[in-house]
Amino acid sequence: MEKAGTGIKRVTNACDNNDNKITFNFSDSFWVTIKTNIHKDNNKDVPVNVPVNVLVNIPVNDRQKAIIAAIQKNNNITINQLADICKVNEKTIRRNLKKLTELKFVKRIGSDKTGYWKVI
């Protein structure tokens, strides 16, 4: 932490400098909504209709694509279940999940026991 109590002001200033709209909501929890103008002139190369769940041209192998697809169907899937689906050892699944996590295709939310997988 750089400075206590300056986070909201720093985030607001950063958004203002980039022409983004930001709103903060406080209740029993804290919500931040940032709306960006992605079609601004300096981002004219960004495609408008970027598909979200494309598994065709990603730099992973077929097993890793199958793992991503299985997680999309059931984000509480276990390593043992993935091993059964892919017909490989659990160590192989762990290696593949590690690579997919490093490539930021999947993320583990929560603990190993009670958490779940999220496809990014």
C-alpha atoms as a PDB file:
ATOM      1  CA  MET A   1       0.000   0.000   0.000  1.00  0.00           C
ATOM      2  CA  GLU A   2       1.448   3.330  -0.999  1.00  0.00           C
ATOM      3  CA  LYS A   3      -0.723   5.766   0.926  1.00  0.00           C
ATOM      4  CA  ALA A   4      -3.639   4.962   3.196  1.00  0.00           C
ATOM      5  CA  GLY A   5      -6.944   6.533   2.202  1.00  0.00           C
ATOM      6  CA  THR A   6      -5.933   7.837  -1.232  1.00  0.00           C
ATOM      7  CA  GLY A   7      -7.098   4.923  -3.393  1.00  0.00           C
ATOM      8  CA  ILE A   8     -10.489   6.275  -4.425  1.00  0.00           C
ATOM      9  CA  LYS A   9      -9.063   9.655  -5.390  1.00  0.00           C
ATOM     10  CA  ARG A  10      -6.179   8.044  -7.317  1.00  0.00           C
ATOM     11  CA  VAL A  11      -8.531   5.721  -9.235  1.00  0.00           C
ATOM     12  CA  THR A  12     -10.896   8.613  -9.985  1.00  0.00           C
ATOM     13  CA  ASN A  13      -8.029  10.766 -11.265  1.00  0.00           C
ATOM     14  CA  ALA A  14      -6.689   7.947 -13.446  1.00  0.00           C
ATOM     15  CA  CYS A  15     -10.130   7.383 -14.958  1.00  0.00           C
ATOM     16  CA  ASP A  16     -10.624  11.095 -15.560  1.00  0.00           C
ATOM     17  CA  ASN A  17      -7.229  11.309 -17.289  1.00  0.00           C
ATOM     18  CA  ASN A  18      -8.283   8.484 -19.652  1.00  0.00           C
ATOM     19  CA  ASP A  19     -11.819   9.788 -20.294  1.00  0.00           C
ATOM     20  CA  ASN A  20     -13.427   6.879 -18.432  1.00  0.00           C
ATOM     21  CA  LYS A  21     -16.567   7.180 -16.324  1.00  0.00           C
ATOM     22  CA  ILE A  22     -16.335   5.761 -12.802  1.00  0.00           C
ATOM     23  CA  THR A  23     -18.932   5.264 -10.080  1.00  0.00           C
ATOM     24  CA  PHE A  24     -18.503   4.055  -6.515  1.00  0.00           C
ATOM     25  CA  ASN A  25     -21.305   2.404  -4.537  1.00  0.00           C
ATOM     26  CA  PHE A  26     -21.089   1.752  -0.824  1.00  0.00           C
ATOM     27  CA  SER A  27     -23.392  -0.408   1.289  1.00  0.00           C
ATOM     28  CA  ASP A  28     -22.412  -3.488   3.250  1.00  0.00           C
ATOM     29  CA  SER A  29     -19.956  -4.030   0.399  1.00  0.00           C
ATOM     30  CA  PHE A  30     -17.971  -1.822  -1.972  1.00  0.00           C
ATOM     31  CA  TRP A  31     -18.626  -1.662  -5.740  1.00  0.00           C
ATOM     32  CA  VAL A  32     -16.648   0.132  -8.425  1.00  0.00           C
ATOM     33  CA  THR A  33     -17.952   0.486 -11.973  1.00  0.00           C
ATOM     34  CA  ILE A  34     -15.643   1.788 -14.673  1.00  0.00           C
ATOM     35  CA  LYS A  35     -17.032   2.476 -18.131  1.00  0.00           C
ATOM     36  CA  THR A  36     -14.491   2.996 -20.857  1.00  0.00           C
ATOM     37  CA  ASN A  37     -14.867   4.404 -24.322  1.00  0.00           C
ATOM     38  CA  ILE A  38     -13.150   1.648 -26.336  1.00  0.00           C
ATOM     39  CA  HIS A  39     -14.203   3.175 -29.650  1.00  0.00           C
ATOM     40  CA  LYS A  40     -12.220   6.328 -29.033  1.00  0.00           C
ATOM     41  CA  ASP A  41      -9.891   7.358 -31.902  1.00  0.00           C
ATOM     42  CA  ASN A  42      -6.740   6.079 -30.156  1.00  0.00           C
ATOM     43  CA  ASN A  43      -8.327   2.598 -29.988  1.00  0.00           C
ATOM     44  CA  LYS A  44      -9.607   2.445 -33.565  1.00  0.00           C
ATOM     45  CA  ASP A  45      -7.792  -0.865 -34.177  1.00  0.00           C
ATOM     46  CA  VAL A  46      -9.866  -2.679 -31.528  1.00  0.00           C
ATOM     47  CA  PRO A  47     -12.508  -4.863 -33.210  1.00  0.00           C
ATOM     48  CA  VAL A  48     -16.106  -4.169 -32.195  1.00  0.00           C
ATOM     49  CA  ASN A  49     -17.365  -7.769 -32.084  1.00  0.00           C
ATOM     50  CA  VAL A  50     -14.646  -9.742 -30.318  1.00  0.00           C
ATOM     51  CA  PRO A  51     -15.939 -13.259 -29.539  1.00  0.00           C
ATOM     52  CA  VAL A  52     -15.784 -14.195 -25.867  1.00  0.00           C
ATOM     53  CA  ASN A  53     -15.557 -17.989 -25.849  1.00  0.00           C
ATOM     54  CA  VAL A  54     -13.371 -18.737 -28.864  1.00  0.00           C
ATOM     55  CA  LEU A  55     -11.288 -21.859 -28.374  1.00  0.00           C
ATOM     56  CA  VAL A  56     -10.125 -22.207 -31.963  1.00  0.00           C
ATOM     57  CA  ASN A  57      -7.010 -20.034 -32.269  1.00  0.00           C
ATOM     58  CA  ILE A  58      -5.555 -20.121 -28.786  1.00  0.00           C
ATOM     59  CA  PRO A  59      -2.003 -21.388 -28.192  1.00  0.00           C
ATOM     60  CA  VAL A  60      -2.990 -24.510 -26.260  1.00  0.00           C
ATOM     61  CA  ASN A  61      -3.299 -28.170 -27.114  1.00  0.00           C
ATOM     62  CA  ASP A  62      -6.499 -30.200 -27.556  1.00  0.00           C
ATOM     63  CA  ARG A  63      -6.416 -31.482 -23.958  1.00  0.00           C
ATOM     64  CA  GLN A  64      -6.197 -27.942 -22.616  1.00  0.00           C
ATOM     65  CA  LYS A  65      -9.101 -26.909 -24.853  1.00  0.00           C
ATOM     66  CA  ALA A  66     -11.091 -29.839 -23.442  1.00  0.00           C
ATOM     67  CA  ILE A  67     -10.230 -28.692 -19.903  1.00  0.00           C
ATOM     68  CA  ILE A  68     -11.434 -25.153 -20.667  1.00  0.00           C
ATOM     69  CA  ALA A  69     -14.652 -26.509 -22.197  1.00  0.00           C
ATOM     70  CA  ALA A  70     -15.265 -28.755 -19.165  1.00  0.00           C
ATOM     71  CA  ILE A  71     -14.714 -25.825 -16.782  1.00  0.00           C
ATOM     72  CA  GLN A  72     -17.168 -23.715 -18.815  1.00  0.00           C
ATOM     73  CA  LYS A  73     -19.791 -26.448 -18.352  1.00  0.00           C
ATOM     74  CA  ASN A  74     -19.055 -26.980 -14.635  1.00  0.00           C
ATOM     75  CA  ASN A  75     -16.865 -24.484 -12.802  1.00  0.00           C
ATOM     76  CA  ASN A  76     -16.829 -26.751  -9.707  1.00  0.00           C
ATOM     77  CA  ILE A  77     -15.257 -29.630 -11.620  1.00  0.00           C
ATOM     78  CA  THR A  78     -12.520 -31.498  -9.788  1.00  0.00           C
ATOM     79  CA  ILE A  79      -9.076 -32.474 -10.998  1.00  0.00           C
ATOM     80  CA  ASN A  80     -10.104 -36.117 -10.703  1.00  0.00           C
ATOM     81  CA  GLN A  81     -13.140 -35.505 -12.935  1.00  0.00           C
ATOM     82  CA  LEU A  82     -10.971 -33.659 -15.475  1.00  0.00           C
ATOM     83  CA  ALA A  83      -8.522 -36.573 -15.450  1.00  0.00           C
ATOM     84  CA  ASP A  84     -11.394 -38.980 -16.175  1.00  0.00           C
ATOM     85  CA  ILE A  85     -12.694 -36.798 -19.011  1.00  0.00           C
ATOM     86  CA  CYS A  86      -9.255 -36.422 -20.597  1.00  0.00           C
ATOM     87  CA  LYS A  87      -8.205 -40.010 -19.796  1.00  0.00           C
ATOM     88  CA  VAL A  88      -4.899 -38.903 -18.239  1.00  0.00           C
ATOM     89  CA  ASN A  89      -3.254 -38.841 -14.828  1.00  0.00           C
ATOM     90  CA  GLU A  90      -4.163 -36.148 -12.277  1.00  0.00           C
ATOM     91  CA  LYS A  91      -0.559 -34.848 -12.442  1.00  0.00           C
ATOM     92  CA  THR A  92      -1.045 -34.181 -16.150  1.00  0.00           C
ATOM     93  CA  ILE A  93      -4.217 -32.217 -15.407  1.00  0.00           C
ATOM     94  CA  ARG A  94      -2.398 -30.191 -12.736  1.00  0.00           C
ATOM     95  CA  ARG A  95       0.381 -29.348 -15.235  1.00  0.00           C
ATOM     96  CA  ASN A  96      -2.187 -28.307 -17.838  1.00  0.00           C
ATOM     97  CA  LEU A  97      -4.118 -26.193 -15.325  1.00  0.00           C
ATOM     98  CA  LYS A  98      -0.881 -24.534 -14.255  1.00  0.00           C
ATOM     99  CA  LYS A  99      -0.122 -23.605 -17.871  1.00  0.00           C
ATOM    100  CA  LEU A 100      -3.682 -22.395 -18.484  1.00  0.00           C
ATOM    101  CA  THR A 101      -3.461 -20.289 -15.315  1.00  0.00           C
ATOM    102  CA  GLU A 102      -0.108 -18.813 -16.393  1.00  0.00           C
ATOM    103  CA  LEU A 103      -1.577 -17.984 -19.820  1.00  0.00           C
ATOM    104  CA  LYS A 104      -4.552 -16.385 -18.017  1.00  0.00           C
ATOM    105  CA  PHE A 105      -7.161 -18.625 -19.635  1.00  0.00           C
ATOM    106  CA  VAL A 106      -8.428 -19.926 -16.287  1.00  0.00           C
ATOM    107  CA  LYS A 107      -8.232 -18.754 -12.712  1.00  0.00           C
ATOM    108  CA  ARG A 108      -8.893 -20.506  -9.417  1.00  0.00           C
ATOM    109  CA  ILE A 109     -11.252 -18.535  -7.186  1.00  0.00           C
ATOM    110  CA  GLY A 110     -11.128 -19.497  -3.515  1.00  0.00           C
ATOM    111  CA  SER A 111      -9.502 -22.479  -1.885  1.00  0.00           C
ATOM    112  CA  ASP A 112      -8.674 -25.821  -3.466  1.00  0.00           C
ATOM    113  CA  LYS A 113     -11.410 -27.463  -1.398  1.00  0.00           C
ATOM    114  CA  THR A 114     -14.315 -25.014  -1.622  1.00  0.00           C
ATOM    115  CA  GLY A 115     -13.321 -22.767  -4.546  1.00  0.00           C
ATOM    116  CA  TYR A 116     -14.203 -22.921  -8.213  1.00  0.00           C
ATOM    117  CA  TRP A 117     -12.632 -22.353 -11.624  1.00  0.00           C
ATOM    118  CA  LYS A 118     -13.280 -19.300 -13.762  1.00  0.00           C
ATOM    119  CA  VAL A 119     -12.582 -19.090 -17.493  1.00  0.00           C
ATOM    120  CA  ILE A 120     -11.122 -15.645 -18.163  1.00  0.00           C
END
